[in-house]
Amino acid sequence: MMKPCFRPSRRAQRGVSLFIALIILVAMMLTGVAVIRSVDAGNMLSGNLALKQSTLQAADQGVDAAYQWLLANAGNGTLDNTNQATGYYSSRPATEPDWTDPTQWPAAVALQPDAAGNTVSYVIHRMCTQPNTPYNGNNGGVANECAMSFASGGSSSGGSMSVDAPVFQGNPQLFFRVTSLTTGPRGTYSVTQSMVRVSN
């Protein structure tokens, strides 16, 4: 005698496929959200890098403006004295400020914003130990020590000079440090420092 075979009814099987399809759909949705977020993060990162590069390029404007100011005021005694209104300091700071903190910056010159929205400010420090003193002078009996070099002339011979030895002549060239701060969109900023030489 054969035993009857019991098969589960189709009603009992209903809903299993729907449950599996929902699980797969949720997994696909989470994967899609993760991909979208990673693409957004990549776009934001590349945008921030472009803005940072823009602030670095704009910093050259500050260095150039400072150098032109130094050239225009060299040789007439102006560079011997501090002039905060023009962002010029006749000696290096006793302690270096935190250049990345705009609240600690000394008085600086701000240029007009460029087309990218970057604002450039700069300060100039003469690389000397004594403020408001000629490069070869004294301040209260303390000699001013400055970083400088002398321009070399042509070769000379005769006397105690060896042939082809450089002859130093003319006024010395003093070293100045230009610190430039560029602030741009999205809170980006760059601080650069450049050394330039200008004849006294």
N, C-alpha and C. Protein backbone atom coordinates (compact mmCIF):
# COMPACT_ATOMS: atom_id res chain seq x y z
N MET A 1 0.84 -1.17 0.00
CA MET A 1 0.00 0.00 0.00
C MET A 1 0.88 1.23 0.00
N MET A 2 0.59 2.11 -0.88
CA MET A 2 1.38 3.33 -1.02
C MET A 2 0.87 4.41 -0.08
N LYS A 3 1.90 5.07 0.50
CA LYS A 3 1.54 6.18 1.38
C LYS A 3 1.29 7.41 0.55
N PRO A 4 0.35 8.18 0.93
CA PRO A 4 0.09 9.41 0.16
C PRO A 4 1.23 10.41 0.33
N CYS A 5 1.59 11.08 -0.74
CA CYS A 5 2.66 12.10 -0.73
C CYS A 5 2.05 13.48 -0.50
N PHE A 6 2.56 14.14 0.51
CA PHE A 6 2.03 15.48 0.83
C PHE A 6 2.98 16.55 0.27
N ARG A 7 2.49 17.37 -0.53
CA ARG A 7 3.27 18.50 -1.08
C ARG A 7 2.78 19.78 -0.45
N PRO A 8 3.76 20.69 -0.11
CA PRO A 8 3.32 21.96 0.46
C PRO A 8 2.49 22.72 -0.57
N SER A 9 1.52 23.33 -0.09
CA SER A 9 0.63 24.07 -0.98
C SER A 9 1.33 25.33 -1.49
N ARG A 10 0.84 25.79 -2.60
CA ARG A 10 1.43 27.01 -3.15
C ARG A 10 1.18 28.20 -2.25
N ARG A 11 0.14 28.16 -1.50
CA ARG A 11 -0.12 29.26 -0.59
C ARG A 11 0.98 29.37 0.47
N ALA A 12 1.53 28.24 0.90
CA ALA A 12 2.61 28.27 1.91
C ALA A 12 3.90 28.84 1.34
N GLN A 13 4.08 28.72 0.01
CA GLN A 13 5.30 29.22 -0.61
C GLN A 13 5.22 30.69 -0.97
N ARG A 14 4.08 31.26 -0.95
CA ARG A 14 3.93 32.66 -1.31
C ARG A 14 4.63 33.54 -0.29
N GLY A 15 5.33 34.60 -0.76
CA GLY A 15 5.99 35.57 0.12
C GLY A 15 7.48 35.32 0.29
N VAL A 16 7.96 34.10 0.08
CA VAL A 16 9.39 33.82 0.23
C VAL A 16 10.17 34.55 -0.85
N SER A 17 9.70 34.49 -2.10
CA SER A 17 10.39 35.20 -3.19
C SER A 17 10.36 36.70 -2.97
N LEU A 18 9.28 37.20 -2.47
CA LEU A 18 9.17 38.64 -2.21
C LEU A 18 10.15 39.06 -1.12
N PHE A 19 10.29 38.25 -0.09
CA PHE A 19 11.21 38.56 1.00
C PHE A 19 12.66 38.59 0.51
N ILE A 20 13.03 37.61 -0.32
CA ILE A 20 14.39 37.57 -0.87
C ILE A 20 14.62 38.76 -1.80
N ALA A 21 13.62 39.09 -2.61
CA ALA A 21 13.76 40.24 -3.52
C ALA A 21 13.93 41.53 -2.74
N LEU A 22 13.22 41.67 -1.61
CA LEU A 22 13.37 42.88 -0.79
C LEU A 22 14.78 42.98 -0.18
N ILE A 23 15.31 41.86 0.26
CA ILE A 23 16.68 41.86 0.82
C ILE A 23 17.68 42.28 -0.25
N ILE A 24 17.54 41.73 -1.45
CA ILE A 24 18.46 42.09 -2.54
C ILE A 24 18.29 43.56 -2.91
N LEU A 25 17.07 44.04 -2.92
CA LEU A 25 16.81 45.44 -3.26
C LEU A 25 17.43 46.39 -2.23
N VAL A 26 17.32 46.05 -0.94
CA VAL A 26 17.94 46.88 0.11
C VAL A 26 19.46 46.87 -0.04
N ALA A 27 20.04 45.70 -0.33
CA ALA A 27 21.49 45.62 -0.51
C ALA A 27 21.94 46.47 -1.68
N MET A 28 21.19 46.42 -2.79
CA MET A 28 21.54 47.23 -3.96
C MET A 28 21.40 48.72 -3.66
N MET A 29 20.38 49.08 -2.88
CA MET A 29 20.19 50.48 -2.54
C MET A 29 21.34 51.00 -1.68
N LEU A 30 21.77 50.18 -0.69
CA LEU A 30 22.89 50.59 0.16
C LEU A 30 24.18 50.71 -0.65
N THR A 31 24.38 49.81 -1.60
CA THR A 31 25.56 49.89 -2.46
C THR A 31 25.53 51.16 -3.31
N GLY A 32 24.35 51.49 -3.84
CA GLY A 32 24.22 52.70 -4.64
C GLY A 32 24.48 53.96 -3.83
N VAL A 33 23.98 53.99 -2.60
CA VAL A 33 24.23 55.15 -1.73
C VAL A 33 25.72 55.29 -1.44
N ALA A 34 26.39 54.14 -1.19
CA ALA A 34 27.83 54.19 -0.91
C ALA A 34 28.61 54.70 -2.11
N VAL A 35 28.23 54.27 -3.31
CA VAL A 35 28.92 54.73 -4.52
C VAL A 35 28.72 56.22 -4.71
N ILE A 36 27.48 56.69 -4.51
CA ILE A 36 27.19 58.12 -4.69
C ILE A 36 27.98 58.95 -3.68
N ARG A 37 28.06 58.46 -2.44
CA ARG A 37 28.81 59.22 -1.42
C ARG A 37 30.29 59.25 -1.73
N SER A 38 30.84 58.15 -2.24
CA SER A 38 32.27 58.14 -2.56
C SER A 38 32.57 59.07 -3.74
N VAL A 39 31.65 59.13 -4.72
CA VAL A 39 31.84 60.05 -5.85
C VAL A 39 31.76 61.50 -5.37
N ASP A 40 30.80 61.80 -4.48
CA ASP A 40 30.69 63.16 -3.95
C ASP A 40 31.94 63.55 -3.16
N ALA A 41 32.46 62.61 -2.36
CA ALA A 41 33.67 62.90 -1.58
C ALA A 41 34.86 63.14 -2.50
N GLY A 42 34.94 62.36 -3.58
CA GLY A 42 36.03 62.56 -4.54
C GLY A 42 35.95 63.91 -5.23
N ASN A 43 34.71 64.30 -5.61
CA ASN A 43 34.53 65.61 -6.25
C ASN A 43 34.88 66.74 -5.29
N MET A 44 34.47 66.60 -4.03
CA MET A 44 34.78 67.65 -3.06
C MET A 44 36.28 67.74 -2.80
N LEU A 45 36.94 66.58 -2.73
CA LEU A 45 38.38 66.57 -2.51
C LEU A 45 39.12 67.23 -3.67
N SER A 46 38.75 66.88 -4.90
CA SER A 46 39.43 67.49 -6.05
C SER A 46 39.14 68.99 -6.13
N GLY A 47 37.91 69.38 -5.75
CA GLY A 47 37.59 70.81 -5.72
C GLY A 47 38.41 71.57 -4.71
N ASN A 48 38.58 70.98 -3.52
CA ASN A 48 39.39 71.62 -2.47
C ASN A 48 40.85 71.72 -2.89
N LEU A 49 41.37 70.68 -3.56
CA LEU A 49 42.76 70.74 -4.04
C LEU A 49 42.93 71.84 -5.08
N ALA A 50 41.93 72.01 -5.94
CA ALA A 50 42.01 73.08 -6.94
C ALA A 50 42.00 74.45 -6.28
N LEU A 51 41.16 74.62 -5.25
CA LEU A 51 41.12 75.89 -4.54
C LEU A 51 42.44 76.16 -3.82
N LYS A 52 43.02 75.11 -3.23
CA LYS A 52 44.31 75.27 -2.55
C LYS A 52 45.40 75.67 -3.54
N GLN A 53 45.41 75.04 -4.71
CA GLN A 53 46.39 75.39 -5.74
C GLN A 53 46.19 76.83 -6.20
N SER A 54 44.96 77.27 -6.26
CA SER A 54 44.67 78.65 -6.66
C SER A 54 45.23 79.64 -5.65
N THR A 55 45.12 79.32 -4.35
CA THR A 55 45.67 80.23 -3.33
C THR A 55 47.19 80.28 -3.40
N LEU A 56 47.82 79.15 -3.72
CA LEU A 56 49.29 79.15 -3.84
C LEU A 56 49.74 80.02 -5.01
N GLN A 57 49.02 79.94 -6.12
CA GLN A 57 49.38 80.76 -7.28
C GLN A 57 49.14 82.24 -7.00
N ALA A 58 48.09 82.55 -6.24
CA ALA A 58 47.79 83.95 -5.93
C ALA A 58 48.83 84.54 -4.99
N ALA A 59 49.51 83.70 -4.20
CA ALA A 59 50.52 84.20 -3.27
C ALA A 59 51.65 84.92 -4.00
N ASP A 60 51.90 84.55 -5.25
CA ASP A 60 52.94 85.23 -6.03
C ASP A 60 52.63 86.71 -6.21
N GLN A 61 51.35 87.06 -6.24
CA GLN A 61 50.98 88.47 -6.37
C GLN A 61 51.48 89.27 -5.17
N GLY A 62 51.36 88.69 -3.98
CA GLY A 62 51.84 89.37 -2.78
C GLY A 62 53.35 89.55 -2.78
N VAL A 63 54.07 88.50 -3.19
CA VAL A 63 55.53 88.59 -3.25
C VAL A 63 55.96 89.64 -4.25
N ASP A 64 55.31 89.67 -5.42
CA ASP A 64 55.67 90.65 -6.44
C ASP A 64 55.36 92.08 -5.98
N ALA A 65 54.19 92.28 -5.36
CA ALA A 65 53.83 93.62 -4.88
C ALA A 65 54.81 94.09 -3.82
N ALA A 66 55.21 93.19 -2.91
CA ALA A 66 56.19 93.56 -1.87
C ALA A 66 57.54 93.89 -2.50
N TYR A 67 57.97 93.11 -3.47
CA TYR A 67 59.26 93.36 -4.12
C TYR A 67 59.25 94.70 -4.84
N GLN A 68 58.16 95.01 -5.53
CA GLN A 68 58.07 96.30 -6.21
C GLN A 68 58.10 97.46 -5.22
N TRP A 69 57.47 97.28 -4.04
CA TRP A 69 57.50 98.32 -3.02
C TRP A 69 58.93 98.50 -2.51
N LEU A 70 59.66 97.41 -2.30
CA LEU A 70 61.05 97.50 -1.84
C LEU A 70 61.91 98.23 -2.87
N LEU A 71 61.76 97.89 -4.14
CA LEU A 71 62.55 98.56 -5.18
C LEU A 71 62.25 100.05 -5.24
N ALA A 72 60.98 100.41 -5.06
CA ALA A 72 60.59 101.83 -5.14
C ALA A 72 61.10 102.63 -3.95
N ASN A 73 61.39 101.98 -2.82
CA ASN A 73 61.80 102.70 -1.61
C ASN A 73 63.25 102.44 -1.22
N ALA A 74 64.00 101.77 -2.07
CA ALA A 74 65.40 101.48 -1.76
C ALA A 74 66.27 102.69 -2.02
N GLY A 75 67.31 102.84 -1.23
CA GLY A 75 68.33 103.85 -1.47
C GLY A 75 68.04 105.23 -0.93
N ASN A 76 66.90 105.44 -0.27
CA ASN A 76 66.61 106.79 0.24
C ASN A 76 66.38 106.81 1.76
N GLY A 77 66.75 105.74 2.45
CA GLY A 77 66.61 105.70 3.90
C GLY A 77 65.26 105.21 4.39
N THR A 78 64.30 105.01 3.49
CA THR A 78 62.96 104.55 3.90
C THR A 78 63.02 103.17 4.53
N LEU A 79 63.91 102.32 4.02
CA LEU A 79 63.97 100.94 4.50
C LEU A 79 64.66 100.83 5.86
N ASP A 80 65.18 101.94 6.38
CA ASP A 80 65.80 101.90 7.71
C ASP A 80 64.76 101.92 8.83
N ASN A 81 63.54 102.36 8.54
CA ASN A 81 62.53 102.56 9.58
C ASN A 81 61.28 101.73 9.32
N THR A 82 60.71 101.22 10.39
CA THR A 82 59.47 100.45 10.31
C THR A 82 58.32 101.35 9.87
N ASN A 83 57.47 100.82 8.99
CA ASN A 83 56.28 101.53 8.52
C ASN A 83 55.14 100.51 8.49
N GLN A 84 54.40 100.41 9.59
CA GLN A 84 53.36 99.39 9.69
C GLN A 84 52.24 99.63 8.69
N ALA A 85 51.99 100.87 8.31
CA ALA A 85 50.92 101.15 7.35
C ALA A 85 51.19 100.49 6.01
N THR A 86 52.43 100.27 5.68
CA THR A 86 52.78 99.62 4.42
C THR A 86 53.19 98.16 4.63
N GLY A 87 53.02 97.65 5.86
CA GLY A 87 53.37 96.26 6.14
C GLY A 87 54.86 96.01 6.17
N TYR A 88 55.66 97.06 6.46
CA TYR A 88 57.12 96.92 6.46
C TYR A 88 57.67 97.00 7.88
N TYR A 89 58.56 96.06 8.20
CA TYR A 89 59.22 96.03 9.51
C TYR A 89 60.72 96.01 9.27
N SER A 90 61.44 96.93 9.94
CA SER A 90 62.87 97.10 9.68
C SER A 90 63.74 96.08 10.39
N SER A 91 63.15 95.14 11.12
CA SER A 91 63.91 94.06 11.75
C SER A 91 63.06 92.80 11.77
N ARG A 92 63.71 91.69 11.92
CA ARG A 92 62.95 90.44 12.00
C ARG A 92 62.27 90.35 13.36
N PRO A 93 61.17 89.61 13.48
CA PRO A 93 60.47 89.55 14.77
C PRO A 93 61.29 88.82 15.81
N ALA A 94 61.16 89.25 17.07
CA ALA A 94 61.89 88.61 18.16
C ALA A 94 61.44 87.16 18.31
N THR A 95 60.15 86.91 18.20
CA THR A 95 59.60 85.55 18.19
C THR A 95 58.69 85.42 16.99
N GLU A 96 58.79 84.30 16.32
CA GLU A 96 57.98 84.09 15.12
C GLU A 96 56.52 83.90 15.51
N PRO A 97 55.62 84.66 14.89
CA PRO A 97 54.19 84.44 15.15
C PRO A 97 53.72 83.15 14.49
N ASP A 98 52.55 82.69 14.87
CA ASP A 98 51.92 81.57 14.20
C ASP A 98 51.31 82.10 12.91
N TRP A 99 52.02 81.93 11.82
CA TRP A 99 51.60 82.54 10.56
C TRP A 99 50.28 81.98 10.06
N THR A 100 49.88 80.78 10.53
CA THR A 100 48.62 80.20 10.09
C THR A 100 47.42 80.76 10.85
N ASP A 101 47.67 81.58 11.86
CA ASP A 101 46.59 82.19 12.64
C ASP A 101 46.49 83.66 12.25
N PRO A 102 45.46 84.04 11.48
CA PRO A 102 45.36 85.44 11.03
C PRO A 102 45.29 86.45 12.17
N THR A 103 44.85 86.04 13.37
CA THR A 103 44.76 86.99 14.48
C THR A 103 46.13 87.35 15.03
N GLN A 104 47.16 86.56 14.74
CA GLN A 104 48.50 86.85 15.22
C GLN A 104 49.35 87.59 14.20
N TRP A 105 48.77 87.88 13.05
CA TRP A 105 49.55 88.56 12.03
C TRP A 105 49.81 90.00 12.43
N PRO A 106 51.01 90.51 12.13
CA PRO A 106 51.24 91.95 12.32
C PRO A 106 50.48 92.72 11.26
N ALA A 107 50.55 94.04 11.33
CA ALA A 107 49.88 94.87 10.33
C ALA A 107 50.39 94.49 8.94
N ALA A 108 49.46 94.25 8.03
CA ALA A 108 49.82 93.77 6.70
C ALA A 108 49.10 94.60 5.64
N VAL A 109 49.57 94.48 4.42
CA VAL A 109 48.94 95.13 3.28
C VAL A 109 48.07 94.11 2.57
N ALA A 110 46.81 94.45 2.33
CA ALA A 110 45.89 93.55 1.63
C ALA A 110 45.69 94.05 0.20
N LEU A 111 45.84 93.16 -0.75
CA LEU A 111 45.62 93.49 -2.15
C LEU A 111 44.15 93.26 -2.50
N GLN A 112 43.74 93.76 -3.64
CA GLN A 112 42.38 93.56 -4.12
C GLN A 112 42.17 92.07 -4.43
N PRO A 113 40.97 91.53 -4.11
CA PRO A 113 40.71 90.12 -4.44
C PRO A 113 40.84 89.87 -5.94
N ASP A 114 41.34 88.69 -6.30
CA ASP A 114 41.47 88.36 -7.71
C ASP A 114 40.17 87.75 -8.24
N ALA A 115 40.19 87.31 -9.49
CA ALA A 115 38.98 86.80 -10.14
C ALA A 115 38.48 85.52 -9.48
N ALA A 116 39.37 84.77 -8.84
CA ALA A 116 38.98 83.52 -8.19
C ALA A 116 38.47 83.74 -6.77
N GLY A 117 38.48 84.99 -6.31
CA GLY A 117 38.01 85.28 -4.95
C GLY A 117 39.08 85.17 -3.89
N ASN A 118 40.35 85.12 -4.29
CA ASN A 118 41.46 85.04 -3.34
C ASN A 118 41.88 86.44 -2.91
N THR A 119 42.10 86.61 -1.60
CA THR A 119 42.60 87.87 -1.06
C THR A 119 44.01 87.64 -0.53
N VAL A 120 44.94 88.47 -0.97
CA VAL A 120 46.35 88.31 -0.61
C VAL A 120 46.77 89.44 0.31
N SER A 121 47.44 89.08 1.41
CA SER A 121 48.04 90.06 2.32
C SER A 121 49.52 89.71 2.46
N TYR A 122 50.34 90.72 2.70
CA TYR A 122 51.77 90.43 2.88
C TYR A 122 52.37 91.35 3.93
N VAL A 123 53.47 90.89 4.52
CA VAL A 123 54.31 91.70 5.39
C VAL A 123 55.75 91.50 4.95
N ILE A 124 56.57 92.52 5.19
CA ILE A 124 57.99 92.47 4.83
C ILE A 124 58.81 92.66 6.09
N HIS A 125 59.79 91.80 6.29
CA HIS A 125 60.74 91.96 7.40
C HIS A 125 62.15 92.10 6.83
N ARG A 126 62.82 93.18 7.21
CA ARG A 126 64.23 93.31 6.88
C ARG A 126 64.98 92.37 7.81
N MET A 127 65.87 91.58 7.28
CA MET A 127 66.56 90.57 8.08
C MET A 127 67.73 91.20 8.84
N CYS A 128 67.34 92.08 9.78
CA CYS A 128 68.31 92.76 10.64
C CYS A 128 67.89 92.56 12.09
N THR A 129 68.85 92.77 13.00
CA THR A 129 68.56 92.55 14.42
C THR A 129 67.98 93.79 15.10
N GLN A 130 68.29 94.99 14.59
CA GLN A 130 67.87 96.23 15.26
C GLN A 130 66.84 96.98 14.41
N PRO A 131 65.72 97.36 15.00
CA PRO A 131 64.73 98.13 14.25
C PRO A 131 65.11 99.60 14.15
N ASN A 132 64.60 100.26 13.13
CA ASN A 132 64.76 101.71 12.95
C ASN A 132 66.22 102.14 13.05
N THR A 133 67.08 101.37 12.40
CA THR A 133 68.52 101.61 12.43
C THR A 133 69.09 101.33 11.05
N PRO A 134 70.00 102.17 10.55
CA PRO A 134 70.65 101.83 9.28
C PRO A 134 71.36 100.49 9.38
N TYR A 135 71.53 99.84 8.23
CA TYR A 135 72.10 98.49 8.24
C TYR A 135 73.49 98.45 8.88
N ASN A 136 74.24 99.56 8.79
CA ASN A 136 75.59 99.61 9.37
C ASN A 136 75.64 100.50 10.61
N GLY A 137 74.48 100.76 11.23
CA GLY A 137 74.43 101.67 12.37
C GLY A 137 74.34 100.94 13.70
N ASN A 138 74.13 101.74 14.76
CA ASN A 138 74.01 101.23 16.12
C ASN A 138 72.68 101.70 16.71
N ASN A 139 72.11 100.87 17.56
CA ASN A 139 70.88 101.20 18.25
C ASN A 139 71.16 101.12 19.75
N GLY A 140 71.38 102.29 20.38
CA GLY A 140 71.72 102.30 21.80
C GLY A 140 73.03 101.60 22.10
N GLY A 141 73.98 101.71 21.20
CA GLY A 141 75.27 101.08 21.40
C GLY A 141 75.34 99.64 20.92
N VAL A 142 74.23 99.10 20.43
CA VAL A 142 74.21 97.72 19.92
C VAL A 142 74.27 97.78 18.40
N ALA A 143 75.28 97.12 17.83
CA ALA A 143 75.47 97.15 16.38
C ALA A 143 74.35 96.37 15.69
N ASN A 144 73.88 96.94 14.59
CA ASN A 144 72.87 96.27 13.79
C ASN A 144 73.52 95.19 12.94
N GLU A 145 73.01 94.00 13.00
CA GLU A 145 73.54 92.90 12.20
C GLU A 145 72.48 92.50 11.19
N CYS A 146 72.85 92.57 9.92
CA CYS A 146 71.90 92.29 8.84
C CYS A 146 72.43 91.19 7.93
N ALA A 147 71.51 90.42 7.39
CA ALA A 147 71.88 89.45 6.36
C ALA A 147 72.00 90.21 5.06
N MET A 148 73.19 90.17 4.45
CA MET A 148 73.41 90.93 3.23
C MET A 148 74.51 90.30 2.41
N SER A 149 74.60 90.74 1.17
CA SER A 149 75.67 90.31 0.29
C SER A 149 76.09 91.51 -0.54
N PHE A 150 77.26 91.42 -1.10
CA PHE A 150 77.79 92.50 -1.93
C PHE A 150 77.83 92.03 -3.38
N ALA A 151 77.47 92.91 -4.27
CA ALA A 151 77.55 92.57 -5.69
C ALA A 151 79.00 92.46 -6.11
N SER A 152 79.30 91.48 -6.93
CA SER A 152 80.69 91.30 -7.39
C SER A 152 80.87 92.00 -8.73
N GLY A 153 82.04 92.60 -8.89
CA GLY A 153 82.36 93.28 -10.13
C GLY A 153 83.22 92.40 -11.02
N GLY A 154 83.88 93.01 -11.99
CA GLY A 154 84.72 92.27 -12.91
C GLY A 154 86.03 91.85 -12.26
N SER A 155 86.78 91.03 -12.94
CA SER A 155 88.05 90.55 -12.41
C SER A 155 89.09 91.66 -12.48
N SER A 156 90.09 91.54 -11.67
CA SER A 156 91.15 92.54 -11.61
C SER A 156 92.47 91.84 -11.37
N SER A 157 93.51 92.47 -11.72
CA SER A 157 94.83 91.89 -11.48
C SER A 157 95.78 93.00 -11.06
N GLY A 158 96.92 92.58 -10.51
CA GLY A 158 97.91 93.55 -10.06
C GLY A 158 97.85 93.72 -8.57
N GLY A 159 98.93 94.24 -7.98
CA GLY A 159 99.00 94.42 -6.54
C GLY A 159 98.93 93.06 -5.86
N SER A 160 98.14 93.00 -4.80
CA SER A 160 98.01 91.75 -4.07
C SER A 160 96.82 90.93 -4.55
N MET A 161 96.14 91.41 -5.62
CA MET A 161 94.98 90.69 -6.13
C MET A 161 95.41 89.60 -7.08
N SER A 162 94.79 88.44 -6.94
CA SER A 162 95.10 87.37 -7.88
C SER A 162 94.27 87.57 -9.14
N VAL A 163 94.76 87.02 -10.23
CA VAL A 163 94.06 87.16 -11.50
C VAL A 163 92.71 86.46 -11.40
N ASP A 164 91.69 87.10 -11.97
CA ASP A 164 90.32 86.58 -12.00
C ASP A 164 89.65 86.53 -10.63
N ALA A 165 90.21 87.19 -9.63
CA ALA A 165 89.55 87.23 -8.33
C ALA A 165 88.39 88.21 -8.40
N PRO A 166 87.24 87.88 -7.79
CA PRO A 166 86.12 88.83 -7.83
C PRO A 166 86.41 90.06 -6.98
N VAL A 167 85.98 91.20 -7.45
CA VAL A 167 86.14 92.44 -6.72
C VAL A 167 84.76 92.87 -6.24
N PHE A 168 84.60 93.00 -4.93
CA PHE A 168 83.30 93.40 -4.38
C PHE A 168 83.24 94.91 -4.32
N GLN A 169 82.16 95.43 -4.84
CA GLN A 169 82.04 96.87 -4.94
C GLN A 169 80.58 97.27 -4.86
N GLY A 170 80.35 98.54 -4.63
CA GLY A 170 78.99 99.06 -4.62
C GLY A 170 78.30 98.87 -3.28
N ASN A 171 77.04 99.27 -3.23
CA ASN A 171 76.26 99.14 -2.01
C ASN A 171 75.88 97.68 -1.77
N PRO A 172 75.74 97.31 -0.50
CA PRO A 172 75.35 95.93 -0.22
C PRO A 172 73.90 95.67 -0.59
N GLN A 173 73.59 94.44 -0.81
CA GLN A 173 72.21 94.02 -1.03
C GLN A 173 71.71 93.37 0.25
N LEU A 174 70.66 93.94 0.82
CA LEU A 174 70.10 93.41 2.06
C LEU A 174 69.04 92.37 1.73
N PHE A 175 68.90 91.42 2.64
CA PHE A 175 67.88 90.38 2.48
C PHE A 175 66.60 90.80 3.21
N PHE A 176 65.48 90.57 2.54
CA PHE A 176 64.16 90.85 3.10
C PHE A 176 63.31 89.59 2.96
N ARG A 177 62.53 89.33 3.99
CA ARG A 177 61.62 88.18 3.95
C ARG A 177 60.20 88.68 3.73
N VAL A 178 59.55 88.15 2.70
CA VAL A 178 58.16 88.50 2.40
C VAL A 178 57.29 87.31 2.79
N THR A 179 56.36 87.55 3.73
CA THR A 179 55.41 86.52 4.14
C THR A 179 54.06 86.90 3.56
N SER A 180 53.48 85.97 2.82
CA SER A 180 52.24 86.23 2.11
C SER A 180 51.16 85.27 2.60
N LEU A 181 49.99 85.81 2.91
CA LEU A 181 48.83 85.01 3.32
C LEU A 181 47.74 85.18 2.27
N THR A 182 47.28 84.07 1.72
CA THR A 182 46.20 84.09 0.74
C THR A 182 45.01 83.34 1.31
N THR A 183 43.87 84.00 1.37
CA THR A 183 42.63 83.35 1.81
C THR A 183 41.69 83.26 0.61
N GLY A 184 41.06 82.10 0.47
CA GLY A 184 40.18 81.88 -0.68
C GLY A 184 38.85 81.30 -0.28
N PRO A 185 38.07 80.85 -1.25
CA PRO A 185 36.75 80.28 -0.97
C PRO A 185 36.85 79.01 -0.14
N ARG A 186 35.76 78.67 0.54
CA ARG A 186 35.63 77.46 1.36
C ARG A 186 36.67 77.40 2.47
N GLY A 187 37.12 78.53 2.94
CA GLY A 187 38.06 78.55 4.06
C GLY A 187 39.47 78.12 3.71
N THR A 188 39.82 78.08 2.43
CA THR A 188 41.18 77.69 2.05
C THR A 188 42.13 78.85 2.30
N TYR A 189 43.35 78.53 2.64
CA TYR A 189 44.37 79.56 2.81
C TYR A 189 45.74 78.95 2.58
N SER A 190 46.68 79.80 2.22
CA SER A 190 48.07 79.39 2.03
C SER A 190 48.98 80.47 2.59
N VAL A 191 50.05 80.05 3.23
CA VAL A 191 51.07 80.96 3.73
C VAL A 191 52.38 80.61 3.04
N THR A 192 52.99 81.60 2.41
CA THR A 192 54.29 81.38 1.76
C THR A 192 55.28 82.43 2.25
N GLN A 193 56.55 82.06 2.24
CA GLN A 193 57.61 83.00 2.60
C GLN A 193 58.68 82.95 1.51
N SER A 194 59.14 84.13 1.12
CA SER A 194 60.16 84.26 0.08
C SER A 194 61.23 85.22 0.56
N MET A 195 62.46 84.96 0.19
CA MET A 195 63.57 85.85 0.49
C MET A 195 63.95 86.59 -0.79
N VAL A 196 64.09 87.92 -0.66
CA VAL A 196 64.51 88.73 -1.81
C VAL A 196 65.68 89.60 -1.38
N ARG A 197 66.48 90.03 -2.36
CA ARG A 197 67.61 90.92 -2.10
C ARG A 197 67.37 92.24 -2.81
N VAL A 198 67.61 93.30 -2.10
CA VAL A 198 67.45 94.64 -2.66
C VAL A 198 68.64 95.47 -2.23
N SER A 199 69.19 96.24 -3.14
CA SER A 199 70.32 97.12 -2.80
C SER A 199 69.87 98.20 -1.84
N ASN A 200 70.71 98.48 -0.86
CA ASN A 200 70.37 99.50 0.13
C ASN A 200 70.49 100.89 -0.45
